[in-house]
Amino acid sequence: MRSIGKVVTNAALAASVLGWGFLQAIPANATTYDVTFNGGSFELSAVVTTANSLDALGGYDITGISGTVTGPASGAISSLLSNPNQPYQGTFYAGSYGWNYDNVLFSGAVPFDNNGLLFRFGTDVVANLYSVGSSFYLSVDNPSSFWDPGDLGRLSVSDPPATPLPATLPLFVTGLGLVGLLAWRRKRKTAALTAA
């Protein structure tokens, strides 16, 4: 009987350790959002990746973007233009055109501030998705008529996806429960022997 108890105890401990190890291995450093912009001339459909923790501005630093832009200039989004000052304002020039940007996504009704998100699409077109108050613009360097202020449109950003339940969590909780049950039984047995 005692050897069965040891086997159960060892199995419970192993399950707990394995469950904890798998939970620690789950990466939790990025969140994705679906972003759409529908303007008078341009449409954007993108997936934006951000860090999970708030930055000094109270937003989430954008770490990546993919998707497509259609309109007078079209094409796949090829890159996020990195901001060496992130989360603070950076400045970028493409020929005679320039933008201030911060690459920060905010929660709430205005997800991009006046600096906004800077990226490239199509045949090396530079684009800035930004706001003025609660109005949203997509500014591009080609065609230049959409540089300042850009194409006015509606912006939609999805809520972050719910954190999925790790597959190992039930195993981990079961292991902890078994360890607790065995400790309770041992304590009860010791108390019974002491009373006798």
Protein backbone atom coordinates (compact mmCIF):
# COMPACT_ATOMS: atom_id res chain seq x y z
CA MET A 1 0.00 0.00 0.00
CA ARG A 2 2.81 2.36 0.84
CA SER A 3 4.56 1.79 -2.51
CA ILE A 4 1.35 2.72 -4.38
CA GLY A 5 1.25 5.98 -2.41
CA LYS A 6 4.84 6.74 -3.42
CA VAL A 7 4.05 6.02 -7.07
CA VAL A 8 1.03 8.33 -6.96
CA THR A 9 3.04 11.02 -5.17
CA ASN A 10 5.86 10.78 -7.70
CA ALA A 11 3.40 10.86 -10.62
CA ALA A 12 1.66 13.91 -9.18
CA LEU A 13 4.96 15.70 -8.68
CA ALA A 14 6.10 14.82 -12.20
CA ALA A 15 2.80 16.06 -13.66
CA SER A 16 3.10 19.31 -11.72
CA VAL A 17 6.70 19.89 -12.81
CA LEU A 18 5.93 19.08 -16.46
CA GLY A 19 2.81 21.25 -16.41
CA TRP A 20 4.74 24.17 -14.91
CA GLY A 21 7.57 23.72 -17.42
CA PHE A 22 5.18 23.81 -20.37
CA LEU A 23 3.40 26.88 -18.99
CA GLN A 24 6.74 28.66 -18.68
CA ALA A 25 7.59 27.84 -22.32
CA ILE A 26 4.47 29.53 -23.73
CA PRO A 27 5.54 32.80 -25.36
CA ALA A 28 3.48 35.72 -24.11
CA ASN A 29 5.23 38.66 -25.68
CA ALA A 30 3.04 39.68 -28.61
CA THR A 31 -0.58 40.46 -29.44
CA THR A 32 -2.11 40.78 -32.90
CA TYR A 33 -4.85 43.15 -34.07
CA ASP A 34 -6.79 43.32 -37.33
CA VAL A 35 -6.65 46.87 -38.71
CA THR A 36 -8.80 48.11 -41.59
CA PHE A 37 -8.91 51.56 -43.15
CA ASN A 38 -11.56 52.51 -45.72
CA GLY A 39 -10.88 55.89 -47.30
CA GLY A 40 -12.19 57.75 -50.30
CA SER A 41 -9.33 56.41 -52.44
CA PHE A 42 -7.38 53.87 -50.38
CA GLU A 43 -8.26 50.71 -48.48
CA LEU A 44 -5.97 48.95 -46.05
CA SER A 45 -6.36 45.50 -44.53
CA ALA A 46 -3.56 44.59 -42.12
CA VAL A 47 -2.53 42.55 -39.13
CA VAL A 48 -0.52 44.56 -36.60
CA THR A 49 1.64 42.88 -33.97
CA THR A 50 2.39 44.68 -30.70
CA ALA A 51 4.26 44.11 -27.49
CA ASN A 52 2.03 43.01 -24.59
CA SER A 53 3.18 45.58 -22.06
CA LEU A 54 2.30 49.26 -22.02
CA ASP A 55 5.06 51.66 -23.00
CA ALA A 56 5.89 55.08 -21.50
CA LEU A 57 3.12 56.72 -23.58
CA GLY A 58 0.44 54.31 -22.33
CA GLY A 59 0.17 52.43 -25.62
CA TYR A 60 1.61 49.27 -27.13
CA ASP A 61 4.76 49.40 -29.26
CA ILE A 62 4.07 48.04 -32.74
CA THR A 63 6.60 45.37 -33.71
CA GLY A 64 5.26 44.22 -37.08
CA ILE A 65 2.67 44.67 -39.81
CA SER A 66 1.48 42.60 -42.77
CA GLY A 67 -1.39 42.95 -45.22
CA THR A 68 -2.33 44.90 -48.33
CA VAL A 69 -3.19 48.39 -49.51
CA THR A 70 -5.41 49.03 -52.54
CA GLY A 71 -6.02 52.32 -54.30
CA PRO A 72 -4.15 54.65 -56.65
CA ALA A 73 -1.00 52.85 -55.41
CA SER A 74 -1.49 49.23 -54.37
CA GLY A 75 0.42 46.26 -53.09
CA ALA A 76 1.41 44.09 -50.18
CA ILE A 77 2.77 45.71 -47.06
CA SER A 78 6.47 44.97 -47.15
CA SER A 79 7.81 46.38 -43.89
CA LEU A 80 7.27 48.38 -40.75
CA LEU A 81 9.63 51.36 -40.71
CA SER A 82 11.34 51.00 -37.36
CA ASN A 83 11.40 53.94 -35.00
CA PRO A 84 14.68 54.26 -33.09
CA ASN A 85 12.94 56.61 -30.61
CA GLN A 86 9.99 54.31 -29.92
CA PRO A 87 7.65 54.99 -28.21
CA TYR A 88 8.48 58.67 -28.73
CA GLN A 89 8.21 60.57 -31.99
CA GLY A 90 10.59 59.74 -34.80
CA THR A 91 10.98 61.53 -38.12
CA PHE A 92 11.36 59.89 -41.53
CA TYR A 93 12.02 61.43 -44.95
CA ALA A 94 11.47 59.88 -48.38
CA GLY A 95 12.77 62.38 -50.93
CA SER A 96 11.04 65.69 -50.24
CA TYR A 97 8.28 64.08 -48.15
CA GLY A 98 8.52 63.67 -44.39
CA TRP A 99 6.48 62.17 -41.57
CA ASN A 100 6.50 62.18 -37.80
CA TYR A 101 5.59 58.75 -36.42
CA ASP A 102 5.81 56.71 -33.22
CA ASN A 103 4.49 53.22 -34.18
CA VAL A 104 2.33 52.97 -31.05
CA LEU A 105 -1.17 51.45 -30.85
CA PHE A 106 -3.46 52.83 -28.15
CA SER A 107 -6.56 51.21 -26.72
CA GLY A 108 -9.80 53.15 -26.98
CA ALA A 109 -11.57 55.15 -29.66
CA VAL A 110 -8.37 56.65 -31.15
CA PRO A 111 -5.91 53.76 -31.68
CA PHE A 112 -3.31 55.86 -33.53
CA ASP A 113 -2.21 59.32 -32.44
CA ASN A 114 -1.12 62.23 -34.65
CA ASN A 115 2.26 60.57 -35.21
CA GLY A 116 0.81 57.19 -36.16
CA LEU A 117 2.13 54.10 -37.89
CA LEU A 118 4.73 54.23 -40.68
CA PHE A 119 5.22 51.38 -43.17
CA ARG A 120 6.06 50.53 -46.80
CA PHE A 121 3.87 48.78 -49.36
CA GLY A 122 3.78 48.00 -53.07
CA THR A 123 6.72 49.37 -55.08
CA ASP A 124 8.41 51.15 -52.14
CA VAL A 125 5.50 53.48 -51.31
CA VAL A 126 5.78 54.99 -47.81
CA ALA A 127 2.51 55.26 -45.86
CA ASN A 128 1.56 56.82 -42.52
CA LEU A 129 -1.71 55.88 -40.80
CA TYR A 130 -2.49 58.60 -38.24
CA SER A 131 -5.23 60.67 -36.62
CA VAL A 132 -6.14 64.32 -36.24
CA GLY A 133 -8.56 64.32 -33.33
CA SER A 134 -10.95 61.50 -34.10
CA SER A 135 -10.41 61.66 -37.90
CA PHE A 136 -8.10 59.11 -39.54
CA TYR A 137 -5.84 59.59 -42.54
CA LEU A 138 -3.59 57.47 -44.73
CA SER A 139 -0.75 59.65 -46.02
CA VAL A 140 1.42 58.32 -48.88
CA ASP A 141 4.29 59.67 -50.95
CA ASN A 142 2.93 58.22 -54.21
CA PRO A 143 0.72 59.69 -55.54
CA SER A 144 1.95 62.86 -53.86
CA SER A 145 -1.54 64.37 -53.83
CA PHE A 146 -2.27 62.05 -50.87
CA TRP A 147 0.73 63.16 -48.79
CA ASP A 148 -0.71 66.05 -46.75
CA PRO A 149 -3.11 65.48 -45.12
CA GLY A 150 -3.71 62.16 -46.89
CA ASP A 151 -6.82 60.14 -47.62
CA LEU A 152 -9.58 60.63 -45.01
CA GLY A 153 -11.33 57.42 -43.99
CA ARG A 154 -12.85 55.11 -41.39
CA LEU A 155 -10.55 53.04 -39.18
CA SER A 156 -11.37 49.81 -37.42
CA VAL A 157 -9.09 47.94 -35.00
CA SER A 158 -10.15 44.58 -33.58
CA ASP A 159 -10.09 43.84 -29.89
CA PRO A 160 -7.10 41.73 -28.88
CA PRO A 161 -7.80 38.00 -29.07
CA ALA A 162 -8.62 36.24 -25.84
CA THR A 163 -5.68 34.46 -24.28
CA PRO A 164 -6.14 30.79 -25.12
CA LEU A 165 -6.12 28.22 -22.35
CA PRO A 166 -2.81 26.35 -22.58
CA ALA A 167 -3.33 22.65 -23.30
CA THR A 168 -1.12 21.76 -20.31
CA LEU A 169 -3.08 23.84 -17.78
CA PRO A 170 -5.58 21.06 -16.91
CA LEU A 171 -2.68 18.64 -16.41
CA PHE A 172 -0.92 21.15 -14.18
CA VAL A 173 -4.03 21.78 -12.07
CA THR A 174 -4.68 18.03 -11.75
CA GLY A 175 -1.12 17.47 -10.60
CA LEU A 176 -1.42 20.20 -7.99
CA GLY A 177 -4.70 18.73 -6.81
CA LEU A 178 -3.16 15.28 -6.41
CA VAL A 179 -0.22 16.70 -4.46
CA GLY A 180 -2.64 18.52 -2.17
CA LEU A 181 -4.77 15.40 -1.68
CA LEU A 182 -1.73 13.30 -0.81
CA ALA A 183 -0.48 15.91 1.64
CA TRP A 184 -3.92 16.01 3.29
CA ARG A 185 -4.02 12.19 3.55
CA ARG A 186 -0.51 12.06 5.03
CA LYS A 187 -1.38 14.76 7.57
CA ARG A 188 -4.58 12.92 8.51
CA LYS A 189 -2.73 9.59 8.85
CA THR A 190 -0.06 11.21 11.03
CA ALA A 191 -2.74 12.79 13.22
CA ALA A 192 -4.50 9.40 13.59
CA LEU A 193 -1.24 7.67 14.59
CA THR A 194 -0.42 10.43 17.09
CA ALA A 195 -3.90 10.14 18.65
CA ALA A 196 -3.57 6.35 19.07
